[in-house]
Amino acid sequence: MFKNREVEAYAVSVTPAILEKWNGEIRVWDTPQSAIEGGQVVDKITAPTDASVVEEQMDMFGSIPQRARIQYSGKEGWVIYDMVEKKG
């Protein structure tokens, strides 16, 4: 149902404002699924962080990204797209 697409890596960041909005914690998942669907939290980002988006999961209409696979600090995982801010 939801389509993933690999993208040319682009820079994003988790900003202090994003952390504040999400109660100081961004959960990083092993798959682009919720806990109900079988996804597991593999890390938590609790400080401002720079990252690169390397894959996106599009919404059900295929028009906007709803989740992003990010690479950061030697780690990798999926976050809700609104939890990162595109740089530039």
C-alpha atoms as a PDB file:
ATOM      1  CA  MET A   1       0.000   0.000   0.000  1.00  0.00           C
ATOM      2  CA  PHE A   2       2.654   2.542   1.006  1.00  0.00           C
ATOM      3  CA  LYS A   3       5.498   2.899  -1.454  1.00  0.00           C
ATOM      4  CA  ASN A   4       9.115   3.426  -0.495  1.00  0.00           C
ATOM      5  CA  ARG A   5      11.464   5.271  -2.783  1.00  0.00           C
ATOM      6  CA  GLU A   6      15.198   5.590  -2.611  1.00  0.00           C
ATOM      7  CA  VAL A   7      16.343   9.163  -2.995  1.00  0.00           C
ATOM      8  CA  GLU A   8      19.630  10.884  -3.590  1.00  0.00           C
ATOM      9  CA  ALA A   9      20.799  11.548  -0.042  1.00  0.00           C
ATOM     10  CA  TYR A  10      19.977  15.013   1.259  1.00  0.00           C
ATOM     11  CA  ALA A  11      20.830  16.759   4.503  1.00  0.00           C
ATOM     12  CA  VAL A  12      18.339  17.158   7.342  1.00  0.00           C
ATOM     13  CA  SER A  13      18.602  17.912  11.027  1.00  0.00           C
ATOM     14  CA  VAL A  14      16.780  17.348  14.269  1.00  0.00           C
ATOM     15  CA  THR A  15      16.591  20.854  15.714  1.00  0.00           C
ATOM     16  CA  PRO A  16      16.003  22.000  19.287  1.00  0.00           C
ATOM     17  CA  ALA A  17      12.514  23.175  18.216  1.00  0.00           C
ATOM     18  CA  ILE A  18      11.664  19.721  16.816  1.00  0.00           C
ATOM     19  CA  LEU A  19      12.901  18.064  19.993  1.00  0.00           C
ATOM     20  CA  GLU A  20      10.751  20.417  22.060  1.00  0.00           C
ATOM     21  CA  LYS A  21       7.704  19.653  19.904  1.00  0.00           C
ATOM     22  CA  TRP A  22       8.210  15.882  20.418  1.00  0.00           C
ATOM     23  CA  ASN A  23       8.891  16.078  24.185  1.00  0.00           C
ATOM     24  CA  GLY A  24      12.668  15.884  23.829  1.00  0.00           C
ATOM     25  CA  GLU A  25      12.822  12.493  22.132  1.00  0.00           C
ATOM     26  CA  ILE A  26      12.765  11.296  18.533  1.00  0.00           C
ATOM     27  CA  ARG A  27      12.252   7.555  18.264  1.00  0.00           C
ATOM     28  CA  VAL A  28      14.149   5.778  15.512  1.00  0.00           C
ATOM     29  CA  TRP A  29      12.526   2.589  14.199  1.00  0.00           C
ATOM     30  CA  ASP A  30      13.953  -0.474  12.445  1.00  0.00           C
ATOM     31  CA  THR A  31      11.250  -0.390   9.738  1.00  0.00           C
ATOM     32  CA  PRO A  32       8.786   2.202   8.429  1.00  0.00           C
ATOM     33  CA  GLN A  33       6.057   0.611  10.567  1.00  0.00           C
ATOM     34  CA  SER A  34       4.429   1.413  13.886  1.00  0.00           C
ATOM     35  CA  ALA A  35       4.728  -0.775  16.983  1.00  0.00           C
ATOM     36  CA  ILE A  36       1.287  -2.204  16.191  1.00  0.00           C
ATOM     37  CA  GLU A  37       2.558  -3.266  12.749  1.00  0.00           C
ATOM     38  CA  GLY A  38       5.684  -4.888  14.226  1.00  0.00           C
ATOM     39  CA  GLY A  39       8.241  -2.071  14.150  1.00  0.00           C
ATOM     40  CA  GLN A  40      10.738  -1.753  16.989  1.00  0.00           C
ATOM     41  CA  VAL A  41      12.521   1.283  18.394  1.00  0.00           C
ATOM     42  CA  VAL A  42      16.270   0.889  17.802  1.00  0.00           C
ATOM     43  CA  ASP A  43      17.455   4.291  19.055  1.00  0.00           C
ATOM     44  CA  LYS A  44      16.266   7.582  20.521  1.00  0.00           C
ATOM     45  CA  ILE A  45      17.607  10.969  19.453  1.00  0.00           C
ATOM     46  CA  THR A  46      17.603  13.356  22.415  1.00  0.00           C
ATOM     47  CA  ALA A  47      19.984  16.088  21.214  1.00  0.00           C
ATOM     48  CA  PRO A  48      20.157  18.202  18.042  1.00  0.00           C
ATOM     49  CA  THR A  49      21.546  15.954  15.305  1.00  0.00           C
ATOM     50  CA  ASP A  50      22.543  16.219  11.643  1.00  0.00           C
ATOM     51  CA  ALA A  51      21.480  13.382   9.349  1.00  0.00           C
ATOM     52  CA  SER A  52      20.928  12.369   5.734  1.00  0.00           C
ATOM     53  CA  VAL A  53      17.682  11.039   4.281  1.00  0.00           C
ATOM     54  CA  VAL A  54      18.367   8.082   1.981  1.00  0.00           C
ATOM     55  CA  GLU A  55      14.851   6.665   1.510  1.00  0.00           C
ATOM     56  CA  GLU A  56      11.303   7.917   1.901  1.00  0.00           C
ATOM     57  CA  GLN A  57       8.001   6.175   2.501  1.00  0.00           C
ATOM     58  CA  MET A  58       5.252   8.028   0.700  1.00  0.00           C
ATOM     59  CA  ASP A  59       1.698   8.550   1.956  1.00  0.00           C
ATOM     60  CA  MET A  60      -1.124   6.397   0.635  1.00  0.00           C
ATOM     61  CA  PHE A  61      -1.589   8.723  -2.342  1.00  0.00           C
ATOM     62  CA  GLY A  62       2.129   8.732  -3.195  1.00  0.00           C
ATOM     63  CA  SER A  63       2.337  12.500  -3.046  1.00  0.00           C
ATOM     64  CA  ILE A  64       4.237  13.406   0.143  1.00  0.00           C
ATOM     65  CA  PRO A  65       6.763  11.583   2.341  1.00  0.00           C
ATOM     66  CA  GLN A  66       5.408  10.360   5.653  1.00  0.00           C
ATOM     67  CA  ARG A  67       8.512   8.544   6.952  1.00  0.00           C
ATOM     68  CA  ALA A  68      12.219   8.869   6.221  1.00  0.00           C
ATOM     69  CA  ARG A  69      15.112   6.449   6.571  1.00  0.00           C
ATOM     70  CA  ILE A  70      17.960   8.505   7.970  1.00  0.00           C
ATOM     71  CA  GLN A  71      21.657   7.920   8.499  1.00  0.00           C
ATOM     72  CA  TYR A  72      23.264   9.752  11.426  1.00  0.00           C
ATOM     73  CA  SER A  73      26.261   9.299  13.722  1.00  0.00           C
ATOM     74  CA  GLY A  74      27.073   5.894  12.197  1.00  0.00           C
ATOM     75  CA  LYS A  75      23.500   4.681  12.760  1.00  0.00           C
ATOM     76  CA  GLU A  76      20.450   4.232  10.568  1.00  0.00           C
ATOM     77  CA  GLY A  77      16.697   3.957  11.006  1.00  0.00           C
ATOM     78  CA  TRP A  78      13.245   5.290  10.197  1.00  0.00           C
ATOM     79  CA  VAL A  79      11.573   8.391  11.654  1.00  0.00           C
ATOM     80  CA  ILE A  80       8.338  10.261  11.014  1.00  0.00           C
ATOM     81  CA  TYR A  81       9.122  12.775   8.270  1.00  0.00           C
ATOM     82  CA  ASP A  82       7.929  15.718  10.382  1.00  0.00           C
ATOM     83  CA  MET A  83      10.632  14.892  12.951  1.00  0.00           C
ATOM     84  CA  VAL A  84      13.407  16.153  10.672  1.00  0.00           C
ATOM     85  CA  GLU A  85      13.949  19.493   8.955  1.00  0.00           C
ATOM     86  CA  LYS A  86      15.459  19.719   5.489  1.00  0.00           C
ATOM     87  CA  LYS A  87      18.570  21.894   5.338  1.00  0.00           C
ATOM     88  CA  GLY A  88      19.043  24.614   2.762  1.00  0.00           C
END
